[in-house]
Amino acid sequence: MTQKGHSPELPARIIPLATLAIPSSGLQPVVQRQQRSLQEMPESLFPYFKNGQALFVISRENGGNLYIDREHLRRSYSSEVFRPEHENLITDNILISVTQSVLLNHLPVLSGLPVVHFEVHSGPGRFLFTCCELILEGALEASPSQTQTRLFKHLTDLLITTLLDSLDLELSVAGRRRHRQKHIRSYIESRLQEPDLTPKSIADAYGISSRALYQLFDGEPDAVSGWILSQRLERIYKDLQSSTYVSMTIAEIAAKHGFRNAAHFSRRFRQKFGLSPREFRQKKLTG
């Protein structure tokens, strides 16, 4: 999957790897070359994000950068300041577009990071750069399709390896489990207001089975739904004490955090905090 010709800093820290258990297939890398002036960037790269792609931009002079989406690229370039005499300089870039959803399934941590930068003069980045150069020079054109497929599999593995090296990820099984659980908890917290949030919908969003999700939460089926319930109740607990929400009814506050049934909410609240929501609110706002 090669197209020739023209077409349209991280903080220092250790980040546990989200997952390496699945093979690095499905990225569907497309390697291209682009020559553009700095003045034409980043607009000339925007078309590459149209079909849910992420984009590696690599050059011998500037190294490599991974942009997860168009907005990621735009924010990065908006913070760059180019000297006027450099705006018309032509840059020769290698572009590798990959399927964004598959990349984030391999490394969910990428969705919360700034642009990932890697060197191309040493380490896996150099292998990646050389591999792409050979592809663009037509080194695979005479090879059978099966050989090309196998070599592109190596390219996808090399992309992942280059990212891991740049991020300095911890590869322990425990580290992977801790990080994935942390990422899923963040996902849950961002959707607590959705009444239809369930262990099954969470597992589906991550492309894993419900059983695999339960195993991340100590192996108990009730652990996931229990954690969702606890987080919702904690948020309502804070809102009932806040003057910001004094004009809202208790039912409205409960609905804001994903409770459809007022009686069910009231019963769960009393079980957790020892008072009904109404009693608790009156005590806090009048006391």
Protein backbone atom coordinates (compact mmCIF):
# COMPACT_ATOMS: atom_id res chain seq x y z
CA MET A 1 0.00 0.00 0.00
CA THR A 2 2.36 2.61 -1.29
CA GLN A 3 1.66 5.84 -3.10
CA LYS A 4 4.40 7.77 -4.82
CA GLY A 5 4.69 11.40 -5.74
CA HIS A 6 3.01 14.41 -4.18
CA SER A 7 -0.39 14.45 -2.56
CA PRO A 8 -2.48 16.58 -0.80
CA GLU A 9 7.75 17.39 23.16
CA LEU A 10 6.73 15.08 25.60
CA PRO A 11 7.17 15.49 29.40
CA ALA A 12 9.77 13.13 30.80
CA ARG A 13 7.85 10.32 32.51
CA ILE A 14 7.26 6.58 32.52
CA ILE A 15 3.88 5.59 31.11
CA PRO A 16 2.71 1.98 31.46
CA LEU A 17 1.90 0.36 28.15
CA ALA A 18 -1.80 -0.02 27.50
CA THR A 19 -1.57 -3.25 25.60
CA LEU A 20 0.83 -5.27 23.53
CA ALA A 21 -1.12 -8.50 23.83
CA ILE A 22 -2.87 -8.05 20.49
CA PRO A 23 -0.90 -8.24 17.24
CA SER A 24 -0.17 -4.95 15.50
CA SER A 25 -2.45 -5.72 12.55
CA GLY A 26 -5.14 -3.53 11.09
CA LEU A 27 -3.11 -0.31 11.06
CA GLN A 28 -3.12 -0.40 7.23
CA PRO A 29 -0.12 1.90 6.78
CA VAL A 30 0.08 3.94 3.58
CA VAL A 31 3.51 5.44 2.85
CA GLN A 32 3.76 8.59 0.74
CA ARG A 33 6.16 11.43 0.07
CA GLN A 34 5.20 15.09 0.23
CA GLN A 35 7.20 18.21 -0.59
CA ARG A 36 5.70 21.42 0.71
CA SER A 37 6.86 24.80 1.99
CA LEU A 38 6.47 25.63 5.67
CA GLN A 39 3.97 28.27 4.60
CA GLU A 40 1.72 25.54 3.20
CA MET A 41 1.78 23.58 6.44
CA PRO A 42 -0.32 22.35 8.14
CA GLU A 43 -3.19 22.85 5.66
CA SER A 44 -1.58 20.55 3.12
CA LEU A 45 -1.75 17.70 5.65
CA PHE A 46 -5.42 18.10 6.63
CA PRO A 47 -6.79 15.84 3.84
CA TYR A 48 -4.94 12.87 5.30
CA PHE A 49 -7.26 12.82 8.33
CA LYS A 50 -10.51 12.57 6.35
CA ASN A 51 -11.15 8.86 6.80
CA GLY A 52 -10.32 8.43 10.47
CA GLN A 53 -6.58 8.30 9.96
CA ALA A 54 -3.67 9.25 12.22
CA LEU A 55 -0.54 10.60 10.55
CA PHE A 56 3.19 10.14 11.03
CA VAL A 57 5.20 13.01 9.48
CA ILE A 58 8.90 12.17 9.15
CA SER A 59 11.82 14.11 7.74
CA ARG A 60 15.57 13.67 7.90
CA GLU A 61 16.00 17.21 9.26
CA ASN A 62 13.21 17.35 11.84
CA GLY A 63 12.72 13.73 12.87
CA GLY A 64 9.27 12.21 13.19
CA ASN A 65 5.99 13.34 14.74
CA LEU A 66 2.74 11.49 15.28
CA TYR A 67 -0.51 13.46 14.94
CA ILE A 68 -3.60 11.62 16.17
CA ASP A 69 -6.07 13.82 14.29
CA ARG A 70 -6.43 17.10 12.44
CA GLU A 71 -6.97 19.12 15.62
CA HIS A 72 -3.84 17.60 17.13
CA LEU A 73 -1.89 18.82 14.10
CA ARG A 74 -3.49 22.26 14.10
CA ARG A 75 -2.73 22.88 17.78
CA SER A 76 0.86 21.81 17.29
CA TYR A 77 1.47 24.16 14.37
CA SER A 78 -0.37 27.07 16.01
CA SER A 79 2.27 27.03 18.76
CA GLU A 80 5.15 27.07 16.25
CA VAL A 81 6.83 30.35 15.31
CA PHE A 82 8.61 30.35 11.94
CA ARG A 83 11.03 33.03 10.86
CA PRO A 84 9.80 34.85 7.69
CA GLU A 85 12.86 33.81 5.69
CA HIS A 86 12.09 30.14 6.42
CA GLU A 87 8.43 30.15 5.36
CA ASN A 88 9.23 29.36 1.71
CA LEU A 89 11.71 26.60 2.47
CA ILE A 90 10.64 23.30 0.91
CA THR A 91 10.48 20.35 3.28
CA ASP A 92 10.70 16.77 2.08
CA ASN A 93 8.43 14.67 4.30
CA ILE A 94 7.59 11.00 4.47
CA LEU A 95 3.96 10.55 5.46
CA ILE A 96 2.58 7.35 6.97
CA SER A 97 -1.17 7.30 7.47
CA VAL A 98 -2.63 4.59 9.70
CA THR A 99 -6.08 3.71 11.00
CA GLN A 100 -6.53 5.89 14.08
CA SER A 101 -8.96 3.63 15.95
CA VAL A 102 -6.63 0.63 15.62
CA LEU A 103 -3.63 2.67 16.77
CA LEU A 104 -5.50 3.91 19.85
CA ASN A 105 -6.64 0.37 20.58
CA HIS A 106 -2.97 -0.64 20.71
CA LEU A 107 -1.94 2.43 22.72
CA PRO A 108 -4.92 4.25 24.31
CA VAL A 109 -2.45 6.44 26.21
CA LEU A 110 -1.75 8.32 22.96
CA SER A 111 -5.18 9.97 23.05
CA GLY A 112 -4.20 12.02 26.08
CA LEU A 113 -0.69 13.05 25.06
CA PRO A 114 0.83 15.93 23.11
CA VAL A 115 2.47 15.23 19.76
CA VAL A 116 4.83 12.26 20.05
CA HIS A 117 8.27 13.06 18.61
CA PHE A 118 10.97 10.54 17.74
CA GLU A 119 14.48 10.71 16.30
CA VAL A 120 15.39 9.21 12.93
CA HIS A 121 19.19 9.21 13.21
CA SER A 122 19.34 6.37 15.72
CA GLY A 123 17.25 3.68 17.36
CA PRO A 124 14.03 2.28 15.87
CA GLY A 125 13.23 5.65 14.27
CA ARG A 126 16.20 5.19 11.97
CA PHE A 127 14.99 1.73 10.94
CA LEU A 128 11.52 3.17 10.30
CA PHE A 129 12.88 6.02 8.18
CA THR A 130 15.10 3.68 6.14
CA CYS A 131 12.26 1.21 5.62
CA CYS A 132 9.98 3.96 4.30
CA GLU A 133 12.70 5.30 2.01
CA LEU A 134 13.15 1.85 0.49
CA ILE A 135 9.41 1.47 -0.03
CA LEU A 136 9.20 4.86 -1.77
CA GLU A 137 12.18 3.97 -3.97
CA GLY A 138 10.22 0.98 -5.25
CA ALA A 139 12.22 -1.74 -3.51
CA LEU A 140 9.07 -3.87 -3.15
CA GLU A 141 7.61 -3.40 -6.61
CA ALA A 142 9.05 -6.63 -8.02
CA SER A 143 8.21 -8.66 -4.92
CA PRO A 144 5.25 -11.08 -4.81
CA SER A 145 2.15 -9.79 -3.03
CA GLN A 146 2.68 -12.22 -0.14
CA THR A 147 6.17 -10.85 0.40
CA GLN A 148 4.85 -7.29 0.33
CA THR A 149 2.17 -8.20 2.88
CA ARG A 150 4.74 -9.74 5.24
CA LEU A 151 7.04 -6.73 4.94
CA PHE A 152 4.19 -4.32 5.65
CA LYS A 153 3.47 -6.39 8.75
CA HIS A 154 7.05 -5.68 9.81
CA LEU A 155 6.44 -1.99 9.09
CA THR A 156 3.42 -1.90 11.41
CA ASP A 157 5.44 -3.61 14.15
CA LEU A 158 8.21 -1.08 13.60
CA LEU A 159 5.76 1.81 13.95
CA ILE A 160 4.59 0.50 17.33
CA THR A 161 8.17 -0.18 18.46
CA THR A 162 9.21 3.35 17.53
CA LEU A 163 6.36 4.82 19.57
CA LEU A 164 7.14 2.61 22.57
CA ASP A 165 10.78 3.65 22.46
CA SER A 166 9.83 7.32 22.29
CA LEU A 167 7.38 7.05 25.17
CA ASP A 168 9.73 4.90 27.28
CA LEU A 169 6.84 2.66 28.27
CA GLU A 170 6.95 0.11 31.06
CA LEU A 171 6.30 -3.30 29.53
CA SER A 172 5.40 -5.36 32.60
CA VAL A 173 2.11 -7.25 32.59
CA ALA A 174 1.13 -5.54 35.86
CA GLY A 175 1.95 -2.17 34.33
CA ARG A 176 -0.22 -2.86 31.30
CA ARG A 177 -3.11 -3.97 33.50
CA ARG A 178 -2.83 -0.93 35.79
CA HIS A 179 -2.73 1.46 32.90
CA ARG A 180 -5.64 -0.07 31.03
CA GLN A 181 -7.75 -0.07 34.19
CA LYS A 182 -6.85 3.59 34.76
CA HIS A 183 -7.78 4.47 31.19
CA ILE A 184 -11.12 2.65 31.44
CA ARG A 185 -11.88 4.38 34.74
CA SER A 186 -11.27 7.74 33.03
CA TYR A 187 -13.59 6.67 30.21
CA ILE A 188 -16.29 5.77 32.74
CA GLU A 189 -15.88 9.04 34.64
CA SER A 190 -16.36 11.04 31.45
CA ARG A 191 -19.69 9.26 30.79
CA LEU A 192 -21.28 8.93 34.22
CA GLN A 193 -24.08 11.23 33.10
CA GLU A 194 -25.20 8.65 30.53
CA PRO A 195 -28.00 6.43 31.94
CA ASP A 196 -27.17 3.67 29.46
CA LEU A 197 -23.57 3.32 30.66
CA THR A 198 -23.15 -0.39 31.45
CA PRO A 199 -20.28 -2.87 31.71
CA LYS A 200 -21.28 -4.23 28.29
CA SER A 201 -21.24 -0.80 26.61
CA ILE A 202 -17.83 -0.10 28.19
CA ALA A 203 -16.43 -3.44 27.03
CA ASP A 204 -17.80 -2.84 23.53
CA ALA A 205 -16.17 0.59 23.41
CA TYR A 206 -12.80 -1.01 24.14
CA GLY A 207 -13.26 -3.99 21.87
CA ILE A 208 -12.96 -6.49 24.73
CA SER A 209 -15.33 -9.02 26.24
CA SER A 210 -17.32 -8.29 29.39
CA ARG A 211 -15.32 -11.03 31.10
CA ALA A 212 -12.04 -9.30 30.22
CA LEU A 213 -13.44 -6.08 31.67
CA TYR A 214 -14.44 -7.84 34.88
CA GLN A 215 -10.94 -9.29 35.19
CA LEU A 216 -9.51 -5.78 35.10
CA PHE A 217 -11.79 -4.94 38.03
CA ASP A 218 -10.72 -7.76 40.36
CA GLY A 219 -12.65 -10.44 38.48
CA GLU A 220 -16.05 -9.63 39.99
CA PRO A 221 -18.98 -8.83 37.66
CA ASP A 222 -20.44 -6.44 40.26
CA ALA A 223 -17.16 -4.54 40.66
CA VAL A 224 -17.66 -2.49 37.47
CA SER A 225 -21.30 -1.56 38.04
CA GLY A 226 -20.53 -1.00 41.72
CA TRP A 227 -17.75 1.44 40.87
CA ILE A 228 -20.05 3.30 38.44
CA LEU A 229 -22.71 3.56 41.15
CA SER A 230 -20.22 4.75 43.75
CA GLN A 231 -18.81 7.46 41.46
CA ARG A 232 -22.28 8.74 40.60
CA LEU A 233 -23.29 8.91 44.26
CA GLU A 234 -20.08 10.74 45.19
CA ARG A 235 -20.77 13.39 42.55
CA ILE A 236 -24.34 13.85 43.71
CA TYR A 237 -23.09 14.04 47.31
CA LYS A 238 -20.93 17.04 46.33
CA ASP A 239 -23.67 18.72 44.30
CA LEU A 240 -26.20 18.49 47.12
CA GLN A 241 -23.82 20.48 49.32
CA SER A 242 -23.14 23.13 46.70
CA SER A 243 -24.99 26.44 46.51
CA THR A 244 -24.39 26.31 42.76
CA TYR A 245 -27.15 23.72 42.39
CA VAL A 246 -29.56 25.01 45.03
CA SER A 247 -32.12 25.88 42.34
CA MET A 248 -32.12 22.31 41.01
CA THR A 249 -34.36 19.64 42.48
CA ILE A 250 -32.82 16.49 43.88
CA ALA A 251 -34.35 14.50 41.02
CA GLU A 252 -32.74 16.84 38.49
CA ILE A 253 -29.33 16.48 40.12
CA ALA A 254 -29.70 12.71 40.18
CA ALA A 255 -30.71 12.67 36.50
CA LYS A 256 -27.69 14.84 35.68
CA HIS A 257 -25.50 12.02 36.93
CA GLY A 258 -27.22 9.16 35.13
CA PHE A 259 -30.04 8.08 37.49
CA ARG A 260 -33.37 7.50 35.77
CA ASN A 261 -35.28 6.14 38.76
CA ALA A 262 -35.62 8.56 41.70
CA ALA A 263 -36.67 5.86 44.16
CA HIS A 264 -33.71 3.66 43.23
CA PHE A 265 -31.37 6.62 43.61
CA SER A 266 -32.78 7.59 47.02
CA ARG A 267 -32.42 4.03 48.32
CA ARG A 268 -28.82 3.75 47.11
CA PHE A 269 -27.93 7.15 48.52
CA ARG A 270 -29.25 6.21 51.97
CA GLN A 271 -27.36 2.91 51.88
CA LYS A 272 -24.10 4.72 51.19
CA PHE A 273 -24.42 7.86 53.33
CA GLY A 274 -26.94 6.93 56.04
CA LEU A 275 -29.41 9.71 55.18
CA SER A 276 -31.95 10.26 52.45
CA PRO A 277 -30.90 12.80 49.81
CA ARG A 278 -33.50 15.27 51.12
CA GLU A 279 -32.34 14.90 54.73
CA PHE A 280 -28.73 15.25 53.71
CA ARG A 281 -29.36 18.38 51.65
CA GLN A 282 -31.37 20.10 54.35
CA LYS A 283 -28.71 19.30 56.94
CA LYS A 284 -25.87 20.67 54.81
CA LEU A 285 -27.58 23.79 53.46
CA THR A 286 -29.18 24.85 56.74
CA GLY A 287 -26.40 23.71 59.06
